[in-house]
Amino acid sequence: MIKTISLIILMAMFPAFLVQHTGTKKAKAKNPIVIMKTSLGDITLELYPKNAPTTVANFERYIRENRFTGASFYRTVTLQNQPHNKVKIQVIQGGLFNDHDPKMLPPIPLETTEETGLHHLNGTISMARDDPNSATSEFFICIGDQPSLDFGGKRNPDGQGFAAFGRVIRGMDVVKKIQMQPAVGQQLQPHIKITKIILKN
């Protein structure tokens, strides 16, 4: 009789355990991972689609449709090579480089850091732009914390900041190595080729 009662109790508890266990799995759903292979080593990124859905979807589309073919890191910004900027930053910038590249998609809306809750910290990947809502294929990676690139920051006169959408989780040594490559002004000479970009969902 006691065994029968115990079995009934266990069977009654099982559905609740199953729901809880399934819910835990959903809660731990992983963010997309991107492996960016360069001639100087690999950079592994974690993207944040829940925070910046439009920006992440755009970046993923470039990868899935092989639109980053021929992309490179072409710009390095150090504390020494921006003499005319009162607000200093440190980043490397990459993408298709050519504004008229046929692989370039239309511009996307700017998801500001005020909207997303993300910030330009060490290793953050974000979209390069001129005017608000003009970002396309070009991106940059922060070296050190760069609060002046957030919403309300002083680096861009319009105060809207830039659209952060992920971070480097492995390979900051490669990012720093790229930053230190030979450059004329801020233009890397030669560009550092991005040989392959792998998206893991």
N, C-alpha and C. Protein backbone atom coordinates (compact mmCIF):
# COMPACT_ATOMS: atom_id res chain seq x y z
N MET A 1 0.84 -1.21 0.00
CA MET A 1 0.00 0.00 0.00
C MET A 1 0.87 1.25 0.00
N ILE A 2 1.92 1.22 0.83
CA ILE A 2 2.82 2.38 0.92
C ILE A 2 3.52 2.58 -0.42
N LYS A 3 3.96 1.47 -1.06
CA LYS A 3 4.63 1.56 -2.36
C LYS A 3 3.70 2.14 -3.42
N THR A 4 2.42 1.74 -3.37
CA THR A 4 1.43 2.23 -4.33
C THR A 4 1.25 3.73 -4.17
N ILE A 5 1.14 4.21 -2.95
CA ILE A 5 0.97 5.65 -2.68
C ILE A 5 2.19 6.43 -3.17
N SER A 6 3.39 5.90 -2.90
CA SER A 6 4.62 6.57 -3.34
C SER A 6 4.68 6.68 -4.86
N LEU A 7 4.25 5.62 -5.54
CA LEU A 7 4.25 5.63 -7.01
C LEU A 7 3.28 6.66 -7.55
N ILE A 8 2.12 6.78 -6.91
CA ILE A 8 1.12 7.77 -7.34
C ILE A 8 1.68 9.18 -7.15
N ILE A 9 2.35 9.42 -6.02
CA ILE A 9 2.94 10.75 -5.75
C ILE A 9 3.99 11.08 -6.80
N LEU A 10 4.86 10.11 -7.12
CA LEU A 10 5.90 10.34 -8.12
C LEU A 10 5.32 10.64 -9.49
N MET A 11 4.28 9.92 -9.87
CA MET A 11 3.64 10.15 -11.17
C MET A 11 2.99 11.52 -11.23
N ALA A 12 2.44 11.96 -10.10
CA ALA A 12 1.81 13.28 -10.04
C ALA A 12 2.85 14.38 -10.16
N MET A 13 4.06 14.13 -9.63
CA MET A 13 5.12 15.15 -9.65
C MET A 13 5.82 15.22 -11.00
N PHE A 14 5.80 14.14 -11.77
CA PHE A 14 6.58 14.07 -13.02
C PHE A 14 6.24 15.16 -14.03
N PRO A 15 4.94 15.44 -14.31
CA PRO A 15 4.63 16.51 -15.27
C PRO A 15 5.21 17.85 -14.86
N ALA A 16 5.15 18.15 -13.55
CA ALA A 16 5.69 19.43 -13.06
C ALA A 16 7.19 19.48 -13.28
N PHE A 17 7.87 18.32 -13.02
CA PHE A 17 9.31 18.25 -13.24
C PHE A 17 9.65 18.46 -14.71
N LEU A 18 8.85 17.83 -15.58
CA LEU A 18 9.07 17.93 -17.02
C LEU A 18 8.93 19.36 -17.51
N VAL A 19 7.90 20.06 -17.04
CA VAL A 19 7.67 21.46 -17.42
C VAL A 19 8.83 22.32 -16.94
N GLN A 20 9.25 22.09 -15.69
CA GLN A 20 10.34 22.89 -15.13
C GLN A 20 11.63 22.64 -15.90
N HIS A 21 11.88 21.35 -16.21
CA HIS A 21 13.10 20.99 -16.92
C HIS A 21 13.12 21.58 -18.32
N THR A 22 11.98 21.51 -19.01
CA THR A 22 11.88 22.07 -20.36
C THR A 22 12.04 23.58 -20.34
N GLY A 23 11.42 24.21 -19.33
CA GLY A 23 11.53 25.67 -19.20
C GLY A 23 12.96 26.10 -18.98
N THR A 24 13.72 25.31 -18.22
CA THR A 24 15.12 25.63 -17.98
C THR A 24 15.91 25.57 -19.27
N LYS A 25 15.60 24.57 -20.10
CA LYS A 25 16.30 24.47 -21.38
C LYS A 25 16.03 25.67 -22.25
N LYS A 26 14.78 26.11 -22.28
CA LYS A 26 14.42 27.28 -23.09
C LYS A 26 15.11 28.52 -22.56
N ALA A 27 15.18 28.65 -21.25
CA ALA A 27 15.78 29.83 -20.64
C ALA A 27 17.26 29.92 -20.97
N LYS A 28 17.87 28.73 -21.21
CA LYS A 28 19.30 28.71 -21.47
C LYS A 28 19.61 28.66 -22.96
N ALA A 29 18.68 29.03 -23.80
CA ALA A 29 18.90 29.06 -25.24
C ALA A 29 20.12 29.92 -25.56
N LYS A 30 21.02 29.38 -26.38
CA LYS A 30 22.28 30.06 -26.62
C LYS A 30 22.15 31.13 -27.70
N ASN A 31 22.95 32.18 -27.56
CA ASN A 31 23.03 33.23 -28.58
C ASN A 31 23.84 32.72 -29.77
N PRO A 32 23.62 33.31 -30.96
CA PRO A 32 24.43 32.92 -32.12
C PRO A 32 25.91 33.20 -31.88
N ILE A 33 26.74 32.32 -32.39
CA ILE A 33 28.19 32.46 -32.30
C ILE A 33 28.74 32.62 -33.72
N VAL A 34 29.66 33.56 -33.88
CA VAL A 34 30.29 33.80 -35.17
C VAL A 34 31.80 33.62 -35.03
N ILE A 35 32.38 32.84 -35.92
CA ILE A 35 33.84 32.70 -35.96
C ILE A 35 34.34 33.43 -37.20
N MET A 36 35.14 34.45 -36.97
CA MET A 36 35.68 35.28 -38.04
C MET A 36 37.16 34.91 -38.23
N LYS A 37 37.46 34.28 -39.35
CA LYS A 37 38.83 33.84 -39.61
C LYS A 37 39.58 34.91 -40.39
N THR A 38 40.73 35.30 -39.87
CA THR A 38 41.55 36.30 -40.54
C THR A 38 42.95 35.75 -40.78
N SER A 39 43.72 36.47 -41.54
CA SER A 39 45.10 36.04 -41.82
C SER A 39 45.99 36.11 -40.58
N LEU A 40 45.50 36.74 -39.50
CA LEU A 40 46.28 36.82 -38.27
C LEU A 40 45.70 35.96 -37.14
N GLY A 41 44.63 35.21 -37.43
CA GLY A 41 44.02 34.37 -36.40
C GLY A 41 42.51 34.51 -36.38
N ASP A 42 41.87 33.76 -35.51
CA ASP A 42 40.41 33.72 -35.43
C ASP A 42 39.88 34.65 -34.33
N ILE A 43 38.72 35.26 -34.61
CA ILE A 43 37.99 36.07 -33.64
C ILE A 43 36.61 35.44 -33.48
N THR A 44 36.26 35.06 -32.27
CA THR A 44 34.95 34.45 -32.01
C THR A 44 34.04 35.46 -31.32
N LEU A 45 32.83 35.62 -31.88
CA LEU A 45 31.88 36.62 -31.41
C LEU A 45 30.59 35.97 -30.93
N GLU A 46 29.99 36.56 -29.93
CA GLU A 46 28.65 36.20 -29.50
C GLU A 46 27.71 37.35 -29.85
N LEU A 47 26.60 37.05 -30.53
CA LEU A 47 25.65 38.08 -30.94
C LEU A 47 24.46 38.11 -30.00
N TYR A 48 23.79 39.28 -29.92
CA TYR A 48 22.68 39.47 -28.99
C TYR A 48 21.39 39.83 -29.73
N PRO A 49 20.72 38.83 -30.34
CA PRO A 49 19.51 39.12 -31.12
C PRO A 49 18.34 39.62 -30.30
N LYS A 50 18.27 39.27 -29.03
CA LYS A 50 17.16 39.75 -28.20
C LYS A 50 17.29 41.25 -27.93
N ASN A 51 18.52 41.73 -27.81
CA ASN A 51 18.76 43.15 -27.55
C ASN A 51 18.71 43.99 -28.83
N ALA A 52 19.34 43.48 -29.87
CA ALA A 52 19.46 44.25 -31.12
C ALA A 52 19.02 43.39 -32.30
N PRO A 53 17.72 43.07 -32.40
CA PRO A 53 17.25 42.11 -33.41
C PRO A 53 17.50 42.54 -34.85
N THR A 54 17.29 43.80 -35.17
CA THR A 54 17.47 44.27 -36.55
C THR A 54 18.93 44.23 -36.96
N THR A 55 19.80 44.68 -36.08
CA THR A 55 21.23 44.73 -36.38
C THR A 55 21.80 43.33 -36.52
N VAL A 56 21.43 42.44 -35.61
CA VAL A 56 21.93 41.06 -35.68
C VAL A 56 21.40 40.37 -36.94
N ALA A 57 20.12 40.56 -37.27
CA ALA A 57 19.55 39.93 -38.46
C ALA A 57 20.29 40.40 -39.72
N ASN A 58 20.63 41.67 -39.77
CA ASN A 58 21.36 42.22 -40.91
C ASN A 58 22.75 41.58 -41.02
N PHE A 59 23.46 41.50 -39.91
CA PHE A 59 24.80 40.91 -39.89
C PHE A 59 24.75 39.44 -40.29
N GLU A 60 23.76 38.71 -39.76
CA GLU A 60 23.61 37.30 -40.10
C GLU A 60 23.28 37.11 -41.58
N ARG A 61 22.49 38.01 -42.14
CA ARG A 61 22.15 37.89 -43.56
C ARG A 61 23.40 38.05 -44.44
N TYR A 62 24.26 38.99 -44.07
CA TYR A 62 25.51 39.15 -44.81
C TYR A 62 26.31 37.85 -44.80
N ILE A 63 26.31 37.18 -43.65
CA ILE A 63 27.07 35.93 -43.54
C ILE A 63 26.41 34.82 -44.33
N ARG A 64 25.11 34.63 -44.13
CA ARG A 64 24.39 33.52 -44.77
C ARG A 64 24.41 33.62 -46.30
N GLU A 65 24.33 34.84 -46.82
CA GLU A 65 24.28 35.05 -48.26
C GLU A 65 25.67 35.29 -48.86
N ASN A 66 26.71 35.02 -48.07
CA ASN A 66 28.10 35.16 -48.52
C ASN A 66 28.42 36.56 -49.03
N ARG A 67 27.80 37.54 -48.43
CA ARG A 67 28.01 38.93 -48.85
C ARG A 67 29.30 39.53 -48.29
N PHE A 68 29.92 38.85 -47.33
CA PHE A 68 31.20 39.33 -46.79
C PHE A 68 32.40 38.77 -47.56
N THR A 69 32.13 38.11 -48.69
CA THR A 69 33.23 37.61 -49.52
C THR A 69 34.12 38.79 -49.95
N GLY A 70 35.40 38.69 -49.65
CA GLY A 70 36.32 39.77 -49.98
C GLY A 70 36.44 40.83 -48.90
N ALA A 71 35.74 40.64 -47.78
CA ALA A 71 35.80 41.62 -46.69
C ALA A 71 37.16 41.59 -46.00
N SER A 72 37.45 42.66 -45.28
CA SER A 72 38.73 42.77 -44.59
C SER A 72 38.61 43.75 -43.43
N PHE A 73 39.60 43.73 -42.56
CA PHE A 73 39.79 44.83 -41.62
C PHE A 73 40.71 45.83 -42.29
N TYR A 74 40.26 47.06 -42.40
CA TYR A 74 41.00 48.04 -43.18
C TYR A 74 41.33 49.32 -42.41
N ARG A 75 40.79 49.45 -41.20
CA ARG A 75 41.00 50.69 -40.45
C ARG A 75 41.40 50.37 -39.02
N THR A 76 42.40 51.07 -38.51
CA THR A 76 42.81 50.96 -37.13
C THR A 76 42.81 52.34 -36.50
N VAL A 77 42.17 52.46 -35.35
CA VAL A 77 42.14 53.74 -34.64
C VAL A 77 42.85 53.54 -33.31
N THR A 78 43.96 54.24 -33.15
CA THR A 78 44.75 54.18 -31.92
C THR A 78 44.75 55.57 -31.27
N LEU A 79 45.28 55.65 -30.08
CA LEU A 79 45.34 56.95 -29.39
C LEU A 79 46.29 57.91 -30.11
N GLN A 80 47.17 57.35 -30.95
CA GLN A 80 48.18 58.20 -31.61
C GLN A 80 47.76 58.71 -32.99
N ASN A 81 46.75 58.09 -33.64
CA ASN A 81 46.50 58.45 -35.04
C ASN A 81 45.17 59.19 -35.25
N GLN A 82 44.70 59.89 -34.23
CA GLN A 82 43.48 60.70 -34.37
C GLN A 82 43.71 62.09 -33.75
N PRO A 83 44.69 62.82 -34.28
CA PRO A 83 45.09 64.09 -33.67
C PRO A 83 44.01 65.16 -33.71
N HIS A 84 43.05 65.05 -34.61
CA HIS A 84 42.03 66.09 -34.75
C HIS A 84 40.74 65.77 -33.99
N ASN A 85 40.73 64.66 -33.28
CA ASN A 85 39.55 64.28 -32.50
C ASN A 85 39.78 64.57 -31.02
N LYS A 86 38.93 65.41 -30.45
CA LYS A 86 39.03 65.69 -29.02
C LYS A 86 38.65 64.46 -28.19
N VAL A 87 37.68 63.69 -28.70
CA VAL A 87 37.24 62.47 -28.00
C VAL A 87 37.94 61.29 -28.68
N LYS A 88 38.84 60.66 -27.96
CA LYS A 88 39.63 59.56 -28.51
C LYS A 88 38.92 58.22 -28.32
N ILE A 89 39.09 57.34 -29.31
CA ILE A 89 38.58 55.97 -29.20
C ILE A 89 39.66 55.01 -29.68
N GLN A 90 39.44 53.72 -29.42
CA GLN A 90 40.33 52.69 -29.96
C GLN A 90 39.47 51.56 -30.53
N VAL A 91 39.53 51.39 -31.84
CA VAL A 91 38.75 50.35 -32.52
C VAL A 91 39.51 49.86 -33.74
N ILE A 92 39.09 48.69 -34.23
CA ILE A 92 39.45 48.29 -35.60
C ILE A 92 38.14 48.18 -36.38
N GLN A 93 38.20 48.53 -37.65
CA GLN A 93 36.98 48.54 -38.47
C GLN A 93 37.16 47.63 -39.67
N GLY A 94 36.06 46.92 -40.01
CA GLY A 94 36.11 46.02 -41.16
C GLY A 94 34.80 46.02 -41.92
N GLY A 95 34.77 45.23 -42.98
CA GLY A 95 33.59 45.14 -43.83
C GLY A 95 33.99 45.07 -45.29
N LEU A 96 33.08 45.50 -46.15
CA LEU A 96 33.30 45.42 -47.59
C LEU A 96 34.19 46.54 -48.12
N PHE A 97 34.32 47.62 -47.34
CA PHE A 97 35.20 48.76 -47.65
C PHE A 97 34.66 49.65 -48.75
N ASN A 98 34.19 49.09 -49.84
CA ASN A 98 33.70 49.86 -50.99
C ASN A 98 32.22 50.17 -50.82
N ASP A 99 31.87 51.45 -50.72
CA ASP A 99 30.47 51.86 -50.55
C ASP A 99 29.58 51.43 -51.70
N HIS A 100 30.17 51.14 -52.85
CA HIS A 100 29.38 50.78 -54.03
C HIS A 100 29.49 49.28 -54.35
N ASP A 101 29.94 48.51 -53.39
CA ASP A 101 30.04 47.07 -53.60
C ASP A 101 28.64 46.50 -53.88
N PRO A 102 28.48 45.74 -54.94
CA PRO A 102 27.15 45.20 -55.29
C PRO A 102 26.59 44.23 -54.24
N LYS A 103 27.44 43.73 -53.34
CA LYS A 103 26.95 42.82 -52.31
C LYS A 103 26.34 43.56 -51.12
N MET A 104 26.42 44.87 -51.12
CA MET A 104 25.93 45.66 -49.99
C MET A 104 24.40 45.73 -49.99
N LEU A 105 23.82 45.54 -48.80
CA LEU A 105 22.37 45.61 -48.62
C LEU A 105 21.94 47.04 -48.26
N PRO A 106 20.63 47.34 -48.33
CA PRO A 106 20.16 48.68 -47.95
C PRO A 106 20.45 48.99 -46.48
N PRO A 107 20.54 50.26 -46.13
CA PRO A 107 20.80 50.66 -44.74
C PRO A 107 19.71 50.17 -43.79
N ILE A 108 20.08 50.02 -42.53
CA ILE A 108 19.14 49.55 -41.51
C ILE A 108 18.90 50.65 -40.47
N PRO A 109 17.78 50.58 -39.75
CA PRO A 109 17.52 51.55 -38.68
C PRO A 109 18.55 51.42 -37.56
N LEU A 110 18.85 52.53 -36.94
CA LEU A 110 19.83 52.55 -35.84
C LEU A 110 19.17 52.09 -34.55
N GLU A 111 19.67 50.98 -34.00
CA GLU A 111 19.24 50.52 -32.68
C GLU A 111 20.23 51.07 -31.66
N THR A 112 19.87 52.15 -31.01
CA THR A 112 20.80 52.82 -30.10
C THR A 112 21.03 52.00 -28.84
N THR A 113 22.11 52.31 -28.15
CA THR A 113 22.39 51.61 -26.89
C THR A 113 21.36 51.95 -25.82
N GLU A 114 20.69 53.08 -25.97
CA GLU A 114 19.61 53.42 -25.04
C GLU A 114 18.46 52.42 -25.20
N GLU A 115 18.19 52.00 -26.44
CA GLU A 115 17.12 51.04 -26.72
C GLU A 115 17.52 49.61 -26.35
N THR A 116 18.76 49.24 -26.64
CA THR A 116 19.17 47.84 -26.51
C THR A 116 19.70 47.49 -25.12
N GLY A 117 20.17 48.49 -24.39
CA GLY A 117 20.77 48.21 -23.09
C GLY A 117 22.21 47.72 -23.18
N LEU A 118 22.74 47.64 -24.40
CA LEU A 118 24.14 47.23 -24.59
C LEU A 118 25.05 48.45 -24.50
N HIS A 119 26.32 48.21 -24.28
CA HIS A 119 27.28 49.31 -24.18
C HIS A 119 28.56 48.95 -24.94
N HIS A 120 29.31 49.98 -25.29
CA HIS A 120 30.55 49.78 -26.02
C HIS A 120 31.69 49.52 -25.03
N LEU A 121 31.77 48.25 -24.62
CA LEU A 121 32.80 47.80 -23.69
C LEU A 121 33.93 47.12 -24.47
N ASN A 122 34.97 46.74 -23.78
CA ASN A 122 36.08 46.05 -24.42
C ASN A 122 35.57 44.81 -25.16
N GLY A 123 35.85 44.73 -26.47
CA GLY A 123 35.44 43.58 -27.27
C GLY A 123 34.08 43.70 -27.92
N THR A 124 33.35 44.79 -27.67
CA THR A 124 32.03 44.97 -28.28
C THR A 124 32.17 45.12 -29.80
N ILE A 125 31.29 44.44 -30.55
CA ILE A 125 31.20 44.66 -32.00
C ILE A 125 29.97 45.53 -32.25
N SER A 126 30.13 46.51 -33.13
CA SER A 126 29.10 47.52 -33.36
C SER A 126 29.13 47.93 -34.83
N MET A 127 28.07 48.60 -35.28
CA MET A 127 27.97 48.99 -36.68
C MET A 127 28.56 50.38 -36.92
N ALA A 128 29.42 50.48 -37.92
CA ALA A 128 29.93 51.79 -38.35
C ALA A 128 28.83 52.49 -39.15
N ARG A 129 28.84 53.81 -39.10
CA ARG A 129 27.82 54.57 -39.83
C ARG A 129 28.30 56.01 -40.03
N ASP A 130 27.60 56.72 -40.89
CA ASP A 130 27.75 58.18 -41.00
C ASP A 130 26.55 58.80 -40.30
N ASP A 131 25.45 58.98 -41.04
CA ASP A 131 24.22 59.51 -40.44
C ASP A 131 23.47 58.40 -39.71
N PRO A 132 22.54 58.77 -38.81
CA PRO A 132 21.68 57.73 -38.21
C PRO A 132 20.93 56.96 -39.31
N ASN A 133 20.68 55.71 -39.08
CA ASN A 133 19.94 54.85 -40.03
C ASN A 133 20.67 54.67 -41.36
N SER A 134 22.01 54.71 -41.32
CA SER A 134 22.76 54.56 -42.56
C SER A 134 23.70 53.36 -42.55
N ALA A 135 23.71 52.57 -41.47
CA ALA A 135 24.63 51.43 -41.38
C ALA A 135 24.25 50.35 -42.40
N THR A 136 25.27 49.74 -42.99
CA THR A 136 25.04 48.68 -43.97
C THR A 136 25.89 47.45 -43.62
N SER A 137 27.12 47.42 -44.12
CA SER A 137 27.96 46.23 -43.94
C SER A 137 29.17 46.46 -43.05
N GLU A 138 29.47 47.70 -42.73
CA GLU A 138 30.72 48.00 -42.03
C GLU A 138 30.53 47.91 -40.51
N PHE A 139 31.51 47.33 -39.84
CA PHE A 139 31.43 47.11 -38.40
C PHE A 139 32.78 47.45 -37.75
N PHE A 140 32.76 47.59 -36.44
CA PHE A 140 34.02 47.81 -35.73
C PHE A 140 34.01 47.06 -34.41
N ILE A 141 35.20 46.82 -33.87
CA ILE A 141 35.36 46.14 -32.59
C ILE A 141 36.12 47.06 -31.64
N CYS A 142 35.57 47.24 -30.45
CA CYS A 142 36.17 48.13 -29.45
C CYS A 142 37.38 47.47 -28.78
N ILE A 143 38.39 48.28 -28.54
CA ILE A 143 39.56 47.87 -27.77
C ILE A 143 39.57 48.74 -26.53
N GLY A 144 39.19 48.16 -25.39
CA GLY A 144 38.95 48.93 -24.18
C GLY A 144 37.52 49.46 -24.19
N ASP A 145 37.05 49.91 -23.03
CA ASP A 145 35.70 50.48 -22.93
C ASP A 145 35.63 51.81 -23.66
N GLN A 146 34.56 52.02 -24.46
CA GLN A 146 34.42 53.23 -25.27
C GLN A 146 33.04 53.86 -25.04
N PRO A 147 32.80 54.45 -23.87
CA PRO A 147 31.48 55.03 -23.57
C PRO A 147 31.09 56.18 -24.49
N SER A 148 32.06 56.82 -25.13
CA SER A 148 31.74 57.94 -26.03
C SER A 148 31.03 57.45 -27.29
N LEU A 149 30.97 56.14 -27.50
CA LEU A 149 30.27 55.58 -28.66
C LEU A 149 28.84 55.18 -28.33
N ASP A 150 28.47 55.24 -27.04
CA ASP A 150 27.10 54.94 -26.63
C ASP A 150 26.17 56.11 -26.95
N PHE A 151 24.86 55.87 -26.81
CA PHE A 151 23.87 56.95 -26.96
C PHE A 151 24.22 58.08 -26.00
N GLY A 152 24.23 59.31 -26.52
CA GLY A 152 24.60 60.46 -25.70
C GLY A 152 26.08 60.72 -25.65
N GLY A 153 26.88 59.82 -26.24
CA GLY A 153 28.33 60.00 -26.26
C GLY A 153 28.75 61.13 -27.18
N LYS A 154 29.96 61.60 -26.99
CA LYS A 154 30.44 62.80 -27.70
C LYS A 154 31.24 62.52 -28.96
N ARG A 155 31.50 61.25 -29.25
CA ARG A 155 32.33 60.97 -30.43
C ARG A 155 31.62 61.39 -31.72
N ASN A 156 30.33 61.08 -31.84
CA ASN A 156 29.56 61.49 -33.01
C ASN A 156 28.72 62.72 -32.65
N PRO A 157 28.81 63.79 -33.43
CA PRO A 157 28.11 65.04 -33.09
C PRO A 157 26.60 64.90 -32.91
N ASP A 158 25.98 63.90 -33.56
CA ASP A 158 24.52 63.79 -33.44
C ASP A 158 24.08 63.17 -32.11
N GLY A 159 25.04 62.62 -31.35
CA GLY A 159 24.72 62.11 -30.01
C GLY A 159 23.94 60.82 -29.98
N GLN A 160 23.69 60.20 -31.15
CA GLN A 160 22.91 58.97 -31.18
C GLN A 160 23.74 57.72 -30.90
N GLY A 161 25.04 57.87 -30.99
CA GLY A 161 25.91 56.73 -30.76
C GLY A 161 25.83 55.70 -31.87
N PHE A 162 26.30 54.51 -31.58
CA PHE A 162 26.38 53.45 -32.58
C PHE A 162 25.64 52.21 -32.08
N ALA A 163 25.37 51.28 -32.99
CA ALA A 163 24.54 50.11 -32.67
C ALA A 163 25.40 48.91 -32.28
N ALA A 164 25.64 48.76 -30.98
CA ALA A 164 26.33 47.58 -30.46
C ALA A 164 25.42 46.37 -30.62
N PHE A 165 25.98 45.20 -30.97
CA PHE A 165 25.12 44.03 -31.16
C PHE A 165 25.77 42.71 -30.78
N GLY A 166 26.96 42.74 -30.20
CA GLY A 166 27.63 41.52 -29.80
C GLY A 166 28.96 41.82 -29.13
N ARG A 167 29.72 40.76 -28.85
CA ARG A 167 31.03 40.97 -28.22
C ARG A 167 31.97 39.83 -28.57
N VAL A 168 33.25 40.11 -28.49
CA VAL A 168 34.28 39.10 -28.69
C VAL A 168 34.35 38.22 -27.44
N ILE A 169 34.23 36.91 -27.62
CA ILE A 169 34.38 36.00 -26.48
C ILE A 169 35.69 35.22 -26.55
N ARG A 170 36.36 35.29 -27.69
CA ARG A 170 37.67 34.67 -27.83
C ARG A 170 38.40 35.35 -28.98
N GLY A 171 39.65 35.71 -28.78
CA GLY A 171 40.43 36.29 -29.87
C GLY A 171 40.73 37.78 -29.74
N MET A 172 40.61 38.33 -28.53
CA MET A 172 40.96 39.75 -28.37
C MET A 172 42.44 39.98 -28.65
N ASP A 173 43.26 38.94 -28.47
CA ASP A 173 44.67 39.07 -28.82
C ASP A 173 44.84 39.31 -30.32
N VAL A 174 43.97 38.69 -31.12
CA VAL A 174 44.01 38.90 -32.58
C VAL A 174 43.53 40.31 -32.91
N VAL A 175 42.48 40.77 -32.23
CA VAL A 175 41.98 42.14 -32.43
C VAL A 175 43.09 43.15 -32.16
N LYS A 176 43.80 42.97 -31.05
CA LYS A 176 44.89 43.90 -30.70
C LYS A 176 46.04 43.80 -31.68
N LYS A 177 46.29 42.60 -32.18
CA LYS A 177 47.35 42.41 -33.17
C LYS A 177 47.02 43.16 -34.46
N ILE A 178 45.74 43.09 -34.87
CA ILE A 178 45.30 43.82 -36.07
C ILE A 178 45.46 45.32 -35.85
N GLN A 179 45.10 45.80 -34.66
CA GLN A 179 45.20 47.23 -34.37
C GLN A 179 46.64 47.74 -34.52
N MET A 180 47.60 46.89 -34.24
CA MET A 180 49.01 47.30 -34.24
C MET A 180 49.72 47.09 -35.57
N GLN A 181 48.98 46.65 -36.59
CA GLN A 181 49.60 46.44 -37.90
C GLN A 181 49.96 47.78 -38.56
N PRO A 182 50.90 47.75 -39.51
CA PRO A 182 51.30 48.99 -40.20
C PRO A 182 50.12 49.71 -40.84
N ALA A 183 50.11 51.02 -40.74
CA ALA A 183 49.00 51.81 -41.29
C ALA A 183 49.52 53.15 -41.79
N VAL A 184 48.82 53.67 -42.77
CA VAL A 184 49.04 55.04 -43.22
C VAL A 184 47.88 55.86 -42.70
N GLY A 185 48.12 56.72 -41.73
CA GLY A 185 47.02 57.37 -41.02
C GLY A 185 46.26 56.28 -40.27
N GLN A 186 44.97 56.11 -40.60
CA GLN A 186 44.17 55.07 -39.98
C GLN A 186 43.91 53.88 -40.92
N GLN A 187 44.48 53.93 -42.12
CA GLN A 187 44.24 52.87 -43.11
C GLN A 187 45.33 51.80 -43.03
N LEU A 188 44.90 50.57 -42.70
CA LEU A 188 45.85 49.47 -42.60
C LEU A 188 46.49 49.20 -43.96
N GLN A 189 47.79 48.97 -43.95
CA GLN A 189 48.54 48.72 -45.17
C GLN A 189 49.43 47.49 -44.98
N PRO A 190 49.04 46.35 -45.53
CA PRO A 190 47.83 46.09 -46.32
C PRO A 190 46.62 45.82 -45.41
N HIS A 191 45.45 45.71 -46.03
CA HIS A 191 44.26 45.31 -45.28
C HIS A 191 44.45 43.88 -44.76
N ILE A 192 43.83 43.59 -43.63
CA ILE A 192 43.87 42.24 -43.06
C ILE A 192 42.65 41.48 -43.56
N LYS A 193 42.87 40.49 -44.38
CA LYS A 193 41.77 39.76 -45.03
C LYS A 193 40.96 38.94 -44.02
N ILE A 194 39.64 38.98 -44.20
CA ILE A 194 38.75 38.07 -43.48
C ILE A 194 38.49 36.91 -44.43
N THR A 195 39.14 35.80 -44.17
CA THR A 195 39.13 34.70 -45.12
C THR A 195 37.83 33.90 -45.09
N LYS A 196 37.18 33.86 -43.93
CA LYS A 196 35.92 33.11 -43.80
C LYS A 196 35.18 33.57 -42.55
N ILE A 197 33.84 33.58 -42.64
CA ILE A 197 33.01 33.87 -41.48
C ILE A 197 32.00 32.74 -41.31
N ILE A 198 32.00 32.12 -40.15
CA ILE A 198 31.14 30.97 -39.87
C ILE A 198 30.10 31.38 -38.83
N LEU A 199 28.83 31.13 -39.13
CA LEU A 199 27.73 31.43 -38.21
C LEU A 199 27.22 30.14 -37.59
N LYS A 200 27.21 30.10 -36.25
CA LYS A 200 26.68 28.94 -35.52
C LYS A 200 25.50 29.39 -34.69
N ASN A 201 24.30 28.91 -35.01
CA ASN A 201 23.09 29.27 -34.26
C ASN A 201 22.84 28.25 -33.16
